[in-house]
Amino acid sequence: MTTRREFLARGLAIVAGAAALPCHAAKAPYPIVDTHTHFYDPQRPQGVPWPSKGDTSLYRQVLPEHFEAFAKPLGVTGTIVVEASPWVEDNQWVLDLAEKDKFILGLVGNLSPGKPEFAGHLKRFAANSLFRGIRVNAGPLKAGLENPEFLADIKRLLDADLELDINGGPELLPLVDRLASKLPELRIVINHLANVKIDGPRIDPEWVSGLKAAAAHPQVFLKVSALVESAARDGRKAPRDPEYYRPILESVWTTFGKDRLIYGSNWPVSDPAADYATVLKIVTTFFDDKGDEAAAKFFATNAKTAYRFADRS
């Protein structure tokens, strides 16, 4: 468990990283919505199913106040929480956090399509306007594409005006193509650039091909998240130079354009690879070069289109 001294030391490191940001990053002329954070509390009586006690970096209290302490000074105006816990009631736990904290703009929940209880769970949580969709992984999606019950449950998202986040490796991209062909009106958000390994100028051509197939569907969005995790190697920190990431960002910019790219950090999972200020600096440097309109869309407007969250200020 994190001690007060460790927590303060981590905060000082974040502040030091913030000093390296361009001056306008803390006073951006547009709101910044981080669409991919995780909150949890191992100190609860029931504990947490994730992360494990052996994870010395992540097994600690991770609550909205911890994130806001450094994110707000950097210009972040709100967040969408993505629930990683498979425990159904942890969806409610995050919604209860959000009820007390207007910085949380919405929740992407964790429910299992194709199971008999799915419809009832979805009806219950969707009654709360902060519940904006669910996330599934590539494995269940692959199995579910040929399962009528699974597809019927995914259609329930569409009928409820909710979205679907999808997480997995590059192999998920053809699956997104197939799902979007079956349900073309469903808003789909691919997480973490499909977790492609980032290696400077070397771009995986199969990933590019899959990305183009997914992007052919106008309701598919791409979340530019987990950048530093995908660039870190062998336990070392990720490169800090924004130019290292320019080739991969140019690739997704060319494929999805200014209207379907969305900002997300994946904090606190991003912490071992880079501090939050570095994560924000990488994308701010790239998207500000594309102009104020493109930056404003990337950091907030496109997220609102995909998740349809309401302002809570």
C-alpha atoms as a PDB file:
ATOM      1  CA  MET A   1       0.000   0.000   0.000  1.00  0.00           C
ATOM      2  CA  THR A   2       1.287   3.441  -0.834  1.00  0.00           C
ATOM      3  CA  THR A   3       2.621   5.423   2.133  1.00  0.00           C
ATOM      4  CA  ARG A   4       2.070   9.154   2.495  1.00  0.00           C
ATOM      5  CA  ARG A   5       5.760   9.744   1.748  1.00  0.00           C
ATOM      6  CA  GLU A   6       5.542   7.661  -1.452  1.00  0.00           C
ATOM      7  CA  PHE A   7       2.361   9.467  -2.493  1.00  0.00           C
ATOM      8  CA  LEU A   8       3.976  12.888  -1.977  1.00  0.00           C
ATOM      9  CA  ALA A   9       7.090  11.787  -3.851  1.00  0.00           C
ATOM     10  CA  ARG A  10       4.955  10.653  -6.762  1.00  0.00           C
ATOM     11  CA  GLY A  11       3.162  14.010  -6.727  1.00  0.00           C
ATOM     12  CA  LEU A  12       6.454  15.902  -6.814  1.00  0.00           C
ATOM     13  CA  ALA A  13       7.563  13.846  -9.800  1.00  0.00           C
ATOM     14  CA  ILE A  14       4.347  14.744 -11.618  1.00  0.00           C
ATOM     15  CA  VAL A  15       4.813  18.443 -10.887  1.00  0.00           C
ATOM     16  CA  ALA A  16       8.383  18.265 -12.172  1.00  0.00           C
ATOM     17  CA  GLY A  17       7.125  16.628 -15.350  1.00  0.00           C
ATOM     18  CA  ALA A  18       4.513  19.334 -15.780  1.00  0.00           C
ATOM     19  CA  ALA A  19       7.256  21.938 -15.946  1.00  0.00           C
ATOM     20  CA  ALA A  20       8.430  20.360 -19.196  1.00  0.00           C
ATOM     21  CA  LEU A  21       5.055  20.880 -20.873  1.00  0.00           C
ATOM     22  CA  PRO A  22       4.471  23.706 -23.346  1.00  0.00           C
ATOM     23  CA  CYS A  23       3.038  26.684 -21.458  1.00  0.00           C
ATOM     24  CA  HIS A  24      -0.292  26.510 -23.266  1.00  0.00           C
ATOM     25  CA  ALA A  25      -0.892  22.906 -22.101  1.00  0.00           C
ATOM     26  CA  ALA A  26      -2.038  24.089 -18.668  1.00  0.00           C
ATOM     27  CA  LYS A  27      -4.229  26.779 -20.205  1.00  0.00           C
ATOM     28  CA  ALA A  28      -5.439  25.138 -23.389  1.00  0.00           C
ATOM     29  CA  PRO A  29      -8.046  27.122 -25.357  1.00  0.00           C
ATOM     30  CA  TYR A  30     -10.219  23.991 -25.368  1.00  0.00           C
ATOM     31  CA  PRO A  31     -11.402  21.499 -22.735  1.00  0.00           C
ATOM     32  CA  ILE A  32      -9.392  18.297 -22.286  1.00  0.00           C
ATOM     33  CA  VAL A  33     -11.406  15.157 -21.548  1.00  0.00           C
ATOM     34  CA  ASP A  34      -9.403  12.065 -20.657  1.00  0.00           C
ATOM     35  CA  THR A  35     -11.586   9.178 -21.833  1.00  0.00           C
ATOM     36  CA  HIS A  36      -9.603   6.367 -20.238  1.00  0.00           C
ATOM     37  CA  THR A  37      -8.907   6.290 -16.515  1.00  0.00           C
ATOM     38  CA  HIS A  38      -9.381   3.565 -13.909  1.00  0.00           C
ATOM     39  CA  PHE A  39     -10.355   4.090 -10.257  1.00  0.00           C
ATOM     40  CA  TYR A  40     -10.310   1.448  -7.519  1.00  0.00           C
ATOM     41  CA  ASP A  41      -9.640   1.025  -3.810  1.00  0.00           C
ATOM     42  CA  PRO A  42      -7.836  -2.026  -2.381  1.00  0.00           C
ATOM     43  CA  GLN A  43      -8.708  -0.775   1.110  1.00  0.00           C
ATOM     44  CA  ARG A  44     -12.383  -1.667   0.642  1.00  0.00           C
ATOM     45  CA  PRO A  45     -13.517  -4.571   2.844  1.00  0.00           C
ATOM     46  CA  GLN A  46     -14.036  -6.709  -0.273  1.00  0.00           C
ATOM     47  CA  GLY A  47     -10.744  -5.614  -1.823  1.00  0.00           C
ATOM     48  CA  VAL A  48     -10.359  -5.519  -5.613  1.00  0.00           C
ATOM     49  CA  PRO A  49     -10.109  -8.224  -8.281  1.00  0.00           C
ATOM     50  CA  TRP A  50      -7.578  -6.102 -10.156  1.00  0.00           C
ATOM     51  CA  PRO A  51      -4.773  -5.148  -9.786  1.00  0.00           C
ATOM     52  CA  SER A  52      -3.177  -7.944  -7.801  1.00  0.00           C
ATOM     53  CA  LYS A  53      -1.403  -7.411  -4.496  1.00  0.00           C
ATOM     54  CA  GLY A  54       1.854  -8.288  -6.208  1.00  0.00           C
ATOM     55  CA  ASP A  55       1.647  -5.296  -8.536  1.00  0.00           C
ATOM     56  CA  THR A  56       3.802  -2.843  -6.598  1.00  0.00           C
ATOM     57  CA  SER A  57       3.045   0.040  -8.973  1.00  0.00           C
ATOM     58  CA  LEU A  58      -0.739  -0.231  -9.279  1.00  0.00           C
ATOM     59  CA  TYR A  59      -1.899  -1.884  -6.052  1.00  0.00           C
ATOM     60  CA  ARG A  60      -2.780   1.277  -4.147  1.00  0.00           C
ATOM     61  CA  GLN A  61      -5.754   3.583  -3.685  1.00  0.00           C
ATOM     62  CA  VAL A  62      -6.538   5.174  -7.042  1.00  0.00           C
ATOM     63  CA  LEU A  63      -9.408   7.599  -6.563  1.00  0.00           C
ATOM     64  CA  PRO A  64     -10.715  10.688  -8.378  1.00  0.00           C
ATOM     65  CA  GLU A  65      -9.021  13.102  -5.978  1.00  0.00           C
ATOM     66  CA  HIS A  66      -5.636  11.541  -6.720  1.00  0.00           C
ATOM     67  CA  PHE A  67      -6.092  12.016 -10.466  1.00  0.00           C
ATOM     68  CA  GLU A  68      -7.557  15.490 -10.230  1.00  0.00           C
ATOM     69  CA  ALA A  69      -4.688  16.745  -8.066  1.00  0.00           C
ATOM     70  CA  PHE A  70      -2.287  16.709 -11.009  1.00  0.00           C
ATOM     71  CA  ALA A  71      -4.649  16.499 -14.016  1.00  0.00           C
ATOM     72  CA  LYS A  72      -6.582  19.710 -13.370  1.00  0.00           C
ATOM     73  CA  PRO A  73      -3.443  21.914 -13.248  1.00  0.00           C
ATOM     74  CA  LEU A  74      -2.468  20.420 -16.618  1.00  0.00           C
ATOM     75  CA  GLY A  75      -5.760  21.529 -18.173  1.00  0.00           C
ATOM     76  CA  VAL A  76      -7.799  18.311 -17.914  1.00  0.00           C
ATOM     77  CA  THR A  77     -11.462  19.205 -17.389  1.00  0.00           C
ATOM     78  CA  GLY A  78     -13.070  15.784 -16.936  1.00  0.00           C
ATOM     79  CA  THR A  79     -12.723  12.047 -17.414  1.00  0.00           C
ATOM     80  CA  ILE A  80     -14.542   8.966 -18.630  1.00  0.00           C
ATOM     81  CA  VAL A  81     -13.818   5.999 -16.346  1.00  0.00           C
ATOM     82  CA  VAL A  82     -13.375   2.555 -17.893  1.00  0.00           C
ATOM     83  CA  GLU A  83     -14.265  -0.250 -15.479  1.00  0.00           C
ATOM     84  CA  ALA A  84     -11.685  -3.045 -15.506  1.00  0.00           C
ATOM     85  CA  SER A  85     -13.211  -5.026 -12.647  1.00  0.00           C
ATOM     86  CA  PRO A  86     -15.395  -8.015 -13.647  1.00  0.00           C
ATOM     87  CA  TRP A  87     -17.470  -7.629 -10.488  1.00  0.00           C
ATOM     88  CA  VAL A  88     -20.887  -6.327 -11.542  1.00  0.00           C
ATOM     89  CA  GLU A  89     -21.335  -4.188  -8.438  1.00  0.00           C
ATOM     90  CA  ASP A  90     -18.116  -2.327  -9.179  1.00  0.00           C
ATOM     91  CA  ASN A  91     -20.028  -0.582 -11.942  1.00  0.00           C
ATOM     92  CA  GLN A  92     -22.246   0.859  -9.231  1.00  0.00           C
ATOM     93  CA  TRP A  93     -19.197   1.694  -7.119  1.00  0.00           C
ATOM     94  CA  VAL A  94     -17.879   3.975  -9.880  1.00  0.00           C
ATOM     95  CA  LEU A  95     -21.313   5.491 -10.471  1.00  0.00           C
ATOM     96  CA  ASP A  96     -21.463   6.298  -6.757  1.00  0.00           C
ATOM     97  CA  LEU A  97     -18.073   8.020  -7.038  1.00  0.00           C
ATOM     98  CA  ALA A  98     -19.358   9.985 -10.012  1.00  0.00           C
ATOM     99  CA  GLU A  99     -22.473  11.067  -8.150  1.00  0.00           C
ATOM    100  CA  LYS A 100     -20.229  12.901  -5.708  1.00  0.00           C
ATOM    101  CA  ASP A 101     -17.640  14.177  -8.207  1.00  0.00           C
ATOM    102  CA  LYS A 102     -18.634  16.119 -11.309  1.00  0.00           C
ATOM    103  CA  PHE A 103     -15.155  15.681 -12.767  1.00  0.00           C
ATOM    104  CA  ILE A 104     -16.309  12.172 -13.762  1.00  0.00           C
ATOM    105  CA  LEU A 105     -18.301  12.646 -16.964  1.00  0.00           C
ATOM    106  CA  GLY A 106     -19.260   9.046 -17.498  1.00  0.00           C
ATOM    107  CA  LEU A 107     -18.544   5.360 -17.057  1.00  0.00           C
ATOM    108  CA  VAL A 108     -17.766   2.674 -19.603  1.00  0.00           C
ATOM    109  CA  GLY A 109     -18.980  -0.328 -17.656  1.00  0.00           C
ATOM    110  CA  ASN A 110     -17.965  -3.968 -17.481  1.00  0.00           C
ATOM    111  CA  LEU A 111     -20.813  -6.360 -18.343  1.00  0.00           C
ATOM    112  CA  SER A 112     -20.799  -9.634 -20.293  1.00  0.00           C
ATOM    113  CA  PRO A 113     -22.932  -9.714 -23.461  1.00  0.00           C
ATOM    114  CA  GLY A 114     -24.399 -13.096 -24.339  1.00  0.00           C
ATOM    115  CA  LYS A 115     -25.171 -14.073 -20.743  1.00  0.00           C
ATOM    116  CA  PRO A 116     -28.794 -14.371 -19.523  1.00  0.00           C
ATOM    117  CA  GLU A 117     -28.346 -11.663 -16.889  1.00  0.00           C
ATOM    118  CA  PHE A 118     -26.949  -9.082 -19.312  1.00  0.00           C
ATOM    119  CA  ALA A 119     -30.240  -7.447 -20.285  1.00  0.00           C
ATOM    120  CA  GLY A 120     -31.258  -6.873 -16.680  1.00  0.00           C
ATOM    121  CA  HIS A 121     -27.878  -5.485 -15.697  1.00  0.00           C
ATOM    122  CA  LEU A 122     -27.816  -3.162 -18.692  1.00  0.00           C
ATOM    123  CA  LYS A 123     -31.327  -1.869 -17.990  1.00  0.00           C
ATOM    124  CA  ARG A 124     -30.370  -1.188 -14.386  1.00  0.00           C
ATOM    125  CA  PHE A 125     -27.172   0.719 -15.100  1.00  0.00           C
ATOM    126  CA  ALA A 126     -28.377   2.494 -18.234  1.00  0.00           C
ATOM    127  CA  ALA A 127     -31.043   4.175 -16.091  1.00  0.00           C
ATOM    128  CA  ASN A 128     -28.162   6.314 -14.823  1.00  0.00           C
ATOM    129  CA  SER A 129     -27.223   8.905 -17.466  1.00  0.00           C
ATOM    130  CA  LEU A 130     -23.557   8.634 -16.437  1.00  0.00           C
ATOM    131  CA  PHE A 131     -23.432   5.063 -17.736  1.00  0.00           C
ATOM    132  CA  ARG A 132     -22.278   5.561 -21.321  1.00  0.00           C
ATOM    133  CA  GLY A 133     -21.524   2.061 -22.609  1.00  0.00           C
ATOM    134  CA  ILE A 134     -19.511  -1.073 -21.936  1.00  0.00           C
ATOM    135  CA  ARG A 135     -16.144  -2.515 -22.874  1.00  0.00           C
ATOM    136  CA  VAL A 136     -15.480  -5.985 -24.283  1.00  0.00           C
ATOM    137  CA  ASN A 137     -12.213  -7.688 -25.130  1.00  0.00           C
ATOM    138  CA  ALA A 138     -11.238  -9.150 -28.484  1.00  0.00           C
ATOM    139  CA  GLY A 139     -11.581 -12.776 -27.336  1.00  0.00           C
ATOM    140  CA  PRO A 140     -15.251 -12.598 -26.285  1.00  0.00           C
ATOM    141  CA  LEU A 141     -15.995 -10.460 -29.338  1.00  0.00           C
ATOM    142  CA  LYS A 142     -14.499 -13.060 -31.688  1.00  0.00           C
ATOM    143  CA  ALA A 143     -16.574 -15.826 -30.096  1.00  0.00           C
ATOM    144  CA  GLY A 144     -19.670 -13.648 -29.935  1.00  0.00           C
ATOM    145  CA  LEU A 145     -19.791 -12.589 -33.566  1.00  0.00           C
ATOM    146  CA  GLU A 146     -21.376 -15.936 -34.438  1.00  0.00           C
ATOM    147  CA  ASN A 147     -23.553 -16.018 -31.318  1.00  0.00           C
ATOM    148  CA  PRO A 148     -27.103 -14.640 -31.776  1.00  0.00           C
ATOM    149  CA  GLU A 149     -27.489 -13.959 -28.039  1.00  0.00           C
ATOM    150  CA  PHE A 150     -24.246 -11.986 -27.959  1.00  0.00           C
ATOM    151  CA  LEU A 151     -25.215  -9.899 -30.969  1.00  0.00           C
ATOM    152  CA  ALA A 152     -28.693  -9.293 -29.562  1.00  0.00           C
ATOM    153  CA  ASP A 153     -27.115  -7.926 -26.383  1.00  0.00           C
ATOM    154  CA  ILE A 154     -24.765  -5.686 -28.346  1.00  0.00           C
ATOM    155  CA  LYS A 155     -27.794  -4.369 -30.213  1.00  0.00           C
ATOM    156  CA  ARG A 156     -29.301  -3.469 -26.837  1.00  0.00           C
ATOM    157  CA  LEU A 157     -26.479  -0.938 -26.528  1.00  0.00           C
ATOM    158  CA  LEU A 158     -27.495   0.612 -29.817  1.00  0.00           C
ATOM    159  CA  ASP A 159     -31.156   0.707 -28.790  1.00  0.00           C
ATOM    160  CA  ALA A 160     -30.180   2.441 -25.540  1.00  0.00           C
ATOM    161  CA  ASP A 161     -27.962   4.978 -27.354  1.00  0.00           C
ATOM    162  CA  LEU A 162     -24.866   3.575 -25.670  1.00  0.00           C
ATOM    163  CA  GLU A 163     -21.452   2.853 -27.166  1.00  0.00           C
ATOM    164  CA  LEU A 164     -19.065  -0.089 -27.189  1.00  0.00           C
ATOM    165  CA  ASP A 165     -15.373   0.129 -26.266  1.00  0.00           C
ATOM    166  CA  ILE A 166     -13.267  -2.756 -27.605  1.00  0.00           C
ATOM    167  CA  ASN A 167      -9.858  -3.730 -26.243  1.00  0.00           C
ATOM    168  CA  GLY A 168      -7.267  -6.147 -27.582  1.00  0.00           C
ATOM    169  CA  GLY A 169      -4.305  -6.448 -29.901  1.00  0.00           C
ATOM    170  CA  PRO A 170      -4.167  -5.711 -33.636  1.00  0.00           C
ATOM    171  CA  GLU A 171      -6.168  -8.892 -34.249  1.00  0.00           C
ATOM    172  CA  LEU A 172      -9.273  -7.064 -33.013  1.00  0.00           C
ATOM    173  CA  LEU A 173      -9.350  -4.758 -36.049  1.00  0.00           C
ATOM    174  CA  PRO A 174     -10.910  -7.288 -38.489  1.00  0.00           C
ATOM    175  CA  LEU A 175     -13.410  -8.128 -35.740  1.00  0.00           C
ATOM    176  CA  VAL A 176     -14.390  -4.461 -35.478  1.00  0.00           C
ATOM    177  CA  ASP A 177     -14.842  -4.423 -39.259  1.00  0.00           C
ATOM    178  CA  ARG A 178     -17.191  -7.410 -39.039  1.00  0.00           C
ATOM    179  CA  LEU A 179     -19.181  -6.069 -36.100  1.00  0.00           C
ATOM    180  CA  ALA A 180     -19.582  -2.639 -37.673  1.00  0.00           C
ATOM    181  CA  SER A 181     -20.851  -4.309 -40.843  1.00  0.00           C
ATOM    182  CA  LYS A 182     -23.514  -6.105 -38.811  1.00  0.00           C
ATOM    183  CA  LEU A 183     -24.474  -3.044 -36.724  1.00  0.00           C
ATOM    184  CA  PRO A 184     -23.449   0.032 -38.733  1.00  0.00           C
ATOM    185  CA  GLU A 185     -25.151   2.527 -36.410  1.00  0.00           C
ATOM    186  CA  LEU A 186     -23.379   1.289 -33.274  1.00  0.00           C
ATOM    187  CA  ARG A 187     -20.732   3.697 -31.983  1.00  0.00           C
ATOM    188  CA  ILE A 188     -17.534   1.709 -31.449  1.00  0.00           C
ATOM    189  CA  VAL A 189     -14.372   2.989 -29.767  1.00  0.00           C
ATOM    190  CA  ILE A 190     -11.187   0.996 -30.366  1.00  0.00           C
ATOM    191  CA  ASN A 191      -8.987   1.210 -27.252  1.00  0.00           C
ATOM    192  CA  HIS A 192      -5.251   1.867 -27.119  1.00  0.00           C
ATOM    193  CA  LEU A 193      -4.594   2.034 -30.895  1.00  0.00           C
ATOM    194  CA  ALA A 194      -5.377  -1.710 -30.816  1.00  0.00           C
ATOM    195  CA  ASN A 195      -2.304  -2.111 -28.583  1.00  0.00           C
ATOM    196  CA  VAL A 196       0.149  -2.069 -31.471  1.00  0.00           C
ATOM    197  CA  LYS A 197       3.808  -1.985 -30.424  1.00  0.00           C
ATOM    198  CA  ILE A 198       5.260   1.485 -30.971  1.00  0.00           C
ATOM    199  CA  ASP A 199       8.788   1.493 -32.330  1.00  0.00           C
ATOM    200  CA  GLY A 200       9.543   4.936 -33.718  1.00  0.00           C
ATOM    201  CA  PRO A 201       9.386   4.981 -37.528  1.00  0.00           C
ATOM    202  CA  ARG A 202       8.707   1.222 -37.863  1.00  0.00           C
ATOM    203  CA  ILE A 203       4.980   0.715 -38.467  1.00  0.00           C
ATOM    204  CA  ASP A 204       3.313  -2.714 -38.687  1.00  0.00           C
ATOM    205  CA  PRO A 205       1.727  -2.933 -42.188  1.00  0.00           C
ATOM    206  CA  GLU A 206      -0.875  -5.507 -41.062  1.00  0.00           C
ATOM    207  CA  TRP A 207      -1.982  -3.139 -38.315  1.00  0.00           C
ATOM    208  CA  VAL A 208      -2.303  -0.330 -40.878  1.00  0.00           C
ATOM    209  CA  SER A 209      -4.394  -2.564 -43.128  1.00  0.00           C
ATOM    210  CA  GLY A 210      -6.675  -3.586 -40.260  1.00  0.00           C
ATOM    211  CA  LEU A 211      -6.979   0.010 -39.133  1.00  0.00           C
ATOM    212  CA  LYS A 212      -8.131   1.081 -42.593  1.00  0.00           C
ATOM    213  CA  ALA A 213     -10.777  -1.660 -42.670  1.00  0.00           C
ATOM    214  CA  ALA A 214     -12.150  -0.543 -39.280  1.00  0.00           C
ATOM    215  CA  ALA A 215     -12.008   3.142 -40.216  1.00  0.00           C
ATOM    216  CA  ALA A 216     -14.131   2.506 -43.305  1.00  0.00           C
ATOM    217  CA  HIS A 217     -17.136   2.497 -40.951  1.00  0.00           C
ATOM    218  CA  PRO A 218     -18.068   6.073 -40.001  1.00  0.00           C
ATOM    219  CA  GLN A 219     -19.245   5.174 -36.482  1.00  0.00           C
ATOM    220  CA  VAL A 220     -15.900   3.643 -35.488  1.00  0.00           C
ATOM    221  CA  PHE A 221     -13.586   5.842 -33.385  1.00  0.00           C
ATOM    222  CA  LEU A 222      -9.984   5.267 -32.320  1.00  0.00           C
ATOM    223  CA  LYS A 223      -8.777   6.072 -28.822  1.00  0.00           C
ATOM    224  CA  VAL A 224      -5.195   7.365 -28.786  1.00  0.00           C
ATOM    225  CA  SER A 225      -4.343   5.850 -25.438  1.00  0.00           C
ATOM    226  CA  ALA A 226      -1.693   3.588 -23.870  1.00  0.00           C
ATOM    227  CA  LEU A 227       0.947   5.267 -26.037  1.00  0.00           C
ATOM    228  CA  VAL A 228       3.730   5.074 -23.494  1.00  0.00           C
ATOM    229  CA  GLU A 229       2.906   1.534 -22.416  1.00  0.00           C
ATOM    230  CA  SER A 230       3.145   0.410 -26.041  1.00  0.00           C
ATOM    231  CA  ALA A 231       6.517   2.133 -26.405  1.00  0.00           C
ATOM    232  CA  ALA A 232       8.144   0.935 -23.154  1.00  0.00           C
ATOM    233  CA  ARG A 233      10.426  -2.096 -23.331  1.00  0.00           C
ATOM    234  CA  ASP A 234      11.924  -4.503 -20.783  1.00  0.00           C
ATOM    235  CA  GLY A 235      10.753  -2.575 -17.737  1.00  0.00           C
ATOM    236  CA  ARG A 236      12.340   0.667 -18.891  1.00  0.00           C
ATOM    237  CA  LYS A 237      10.526   3.989 -19.165  1.00  0.00           C
ATOM    238  CA  ALA A 238       9.042   4.934 -22.526  1.00  0.00           C
ATOM    239  CA  PRO A 239      10.787   7.541 -24.699  1.00  0.00           C
ATOM    240  CA  ARG A 240       9.805  11.065 -23.638  1.00  0.00           C
ATOM    241  CA  ASP A 241      10.469  12.833 -26.958  1.00  0.00           C
ATOM    242  CA  PRO A 242       7.136  13.532 -28.720  1.00  0.00           C
ATOM    243  CA  GLU A 243       8.876  13.063 -32.077  1.00  0.00           C
ATOM    244  CA  TYR A 244       9.334   9.379 -31.324  1.00  0.00           C
ATOM    245  CA  TYR A 245       5.551   8.988 -31.515  1.00  0.00           C
ATOM    246  CA  ARG A 246       4.969  11.153 -34.585  1.00  0.00           C
ATOM    247  CA  PRO A 247       5.090   8.289 -37.143  1.00  0.00           C
ATOM    248  CA  ILE A 248       2.393   6.275 -35.367  1.00  0.00           C
ATOM    249  CA  LEU A 249       0.276   9.366 -34.776  1.00  0.00           C
ATOM    250  CA  GLU A 250       0.595  10.446 -38.405  1.00  0.00           C
ATOM    251  CA  SER A 251      -0.565   6.983 -39.410  1.00  0.00           C
ATOM    252  CA  VAL A 252      -3.758   7.145 -37.345  1.00  0.00           C
ATOM    253  CA  TRP A 253      -4.329  10.766 -38.365  1.00  0.00           C
ATOM    254  CA  THR A 254      -4.181   9.764 -42.035  1.00  0.00           C
ATOM    255  CA  THR A 255      -6.581   6.870 -41.437  1.00  0.00           C
ATOM    256  CA  PHE A 256      -9.182   8.348 -39.062  1.00  0.00           C
ATOM    257  CA  GLY A 257      -8.808  12.081 -39.611  1.00  0.00           C
ATOM    258  CA  LYS A 258      -9.720  14.898 -37.272  1.00  0.00           C
ATOM    259  CA  ASP A 259     -13.262  13.751 -36.458  1.00  0.00           C
ATOM    260  CA  ARG A 260     -12.734  10.246 -35.019  1.00  0.00           C
ATOM    261  CA  LEU A 261      -9.596  10.327 -32.888  1.00  0.00           C
ATOM    262  CA  ILE A 262     -10.076  10.559 -29.112  1.00  0.00           C
ATOM    263  CA  TYR A 263      -7.712  11.282 -26.223  1.00  0.00           C
ATOM    264  CA  GLY A 264      -7.234   8.809 -23.387  1.00  0.00           C
ATOM    265  CA  SER A 265      -4.337   8.217 -21.016  1.00  0.00           C
ATOM    266  CA  ASN A 266      -4.988   4.787 -19.452  1.00  0.00           C
ATOM    267  CA  TRP A 267      -3.933   6.234 -16.086  1.00  0.00           C
ATOM    268  CA  PRO A 268      -2.776   4.806 -13.691  1.00  0.00           C
ATOM    269  CA  VAL A 269      -1.674   1.881 -15.901  1.00  0.00           C
ATOM    270  CA  SER A 270       0.446   4.399 -17.797  1.00  0.00           C
ATOM    271  CA  ASP A 271       2.431   5.364 -14.674  1.00  0.00           C
ATOM    272  CA  PRO A 272       5.200   2.738 -14.883  1.00  0.00           C
ATOM    273  CA  ALA A 273       6.002   3.830 -18.462  1.00  0.00           C
ATOM    274  CA  ALA A 274       5.772   7.620 -18.035  1.00  0.00           C
ATOM    275  CA  ASP A 275       4.295  10.298 -15.782  1.00  0.00           C
ATOM    276  CA  TYR A 276       1.020  11.887 -16.808  1.00  0.00           C
ATOM    277  CA  ALA A 277       2.617  15.162 -17.895  1.00  0.00           C
ATOM    278  CA  THR A 278       4.717  13.277 -20.443  1.00  0.00           C
ATOM    279  CA  VAL A 279       1.670  11.444 -21.798  1.00  0.00           C
ATOM    280  CA  LEU A 280      -0.176  14.719 -22.264  1.00  0.00           C
ATOM    281  CA  LYS A 281       2.836  16.460 -23.764  1.00  0.00           C
ATOM    282  CA  ILE A 282       3.207  13.789 -26.479  1.00  0.00           C
ATOM    283  CA  VAL A 283      -0.326  14.200 -27.809  1.00  0.00           C
ATOM    284  CA  THR A 284      -0.518  17.952 -27.220  1.00  0.00           C
ATOM    285  CA  THR A 285       2.608  18.499 -29.298  1.00  0.00           C
ATOM    286  CA  PHE A 286       1.243  16.466 -32.193  1.00  0.00           C
ATOM    287  CA  PHE A 287      -2.348  17.698 -32.276  1.00  0.00           C
ATOM    288  CA  ASP A 288      -1.555  21.361 -31.702  1.00  0.00           C
ATOM    289  CA  ASP A 289       0.517  21.133 -34.890  1.00  0.00           C
ATOM    290  CA  LYS A 290      -2.694  20.112 -36.670  1.00  0.00           C
ATOM    291  CA  GLY A 291      -4.404  23.349 -35.638  1.00  0.00           C
ATOM    292  CA  ASP A 292      -6.771  24.497 -32.895  1.00  0.00           C
ATOM    293  CA  GLU A 293      -9.850  22.915 -34.485  1.00  0.00           C
ATOM    294  CA  ALA A 294      -8.239  19.482 -34.734  1.00  0.00           C
ATOM    295  CA  ALA A 295      -6.849  19.720 -31.194  1.00  0.00           C
ATOM    296  CA  ALA A 296     -10.225  20.759 -29.767  1.00  0.00           C
ATOM    297  CA  LYS A 297     -11.911  17.824 -31.498  1.00  0.00           C
ATOM    298  CA  PHE A 298      -9.289  15.336 -30.347  1.00  0.00           C
ATOM    299  CA  PHE A 299      -9.319  16.454 -26.726  1.00  0.00           C
ATOM    300  CA  ALA A 300     -13.075  16.786 -26.202  1.00  0.00           C
ATOM    301  CA  THR A 301     -15.501  17.190 -29.115  1.00  0.00           C
ATOM    302  CA  ASN A 302     -14.968  13.759 -30.644  1.00  0.00           C
ATOM    303  CA  ALA A 303     -15.311  12.152 -27.213  1.00  0.00           C
ATOM    304  CA  LYS A 304     -18.672  13.827 -26.780  1.00  0.00           C
ATOM    305  CA  THR A 305     -19.766  12.511 -30.174  1.00  0.00           C
ATOM    306  CA  ALA A 306     -18.729   8.958 -29.303  1.00  0.00           C
ATOM    307  CA  TYR A 307     -19.862   8.794 -25.678  1.00  0.00           C
ATOM    308  CA  ARG A 308     -22.646  11.414 -25.703  1.00  0.00           C
ATOM    309  CA  PHE A 309     -21.922  12.506 -22.170  1.00  0.00           C
ATOM    310  CA  ALA A 310     -23.453  15.626 -20.655  1.00  0.00           C
ATOM    311  CA  ASP A 311     -21.569  18.598 -19.251  1.00  0.00           C
ATOM    312  CA  ARG A 312     -21.631  18.547 -15.440  1.00  0.00           C
ATOM    313  CA  SER A 313     -20.122  21.933 -14.565  1.00  0.00           C
END
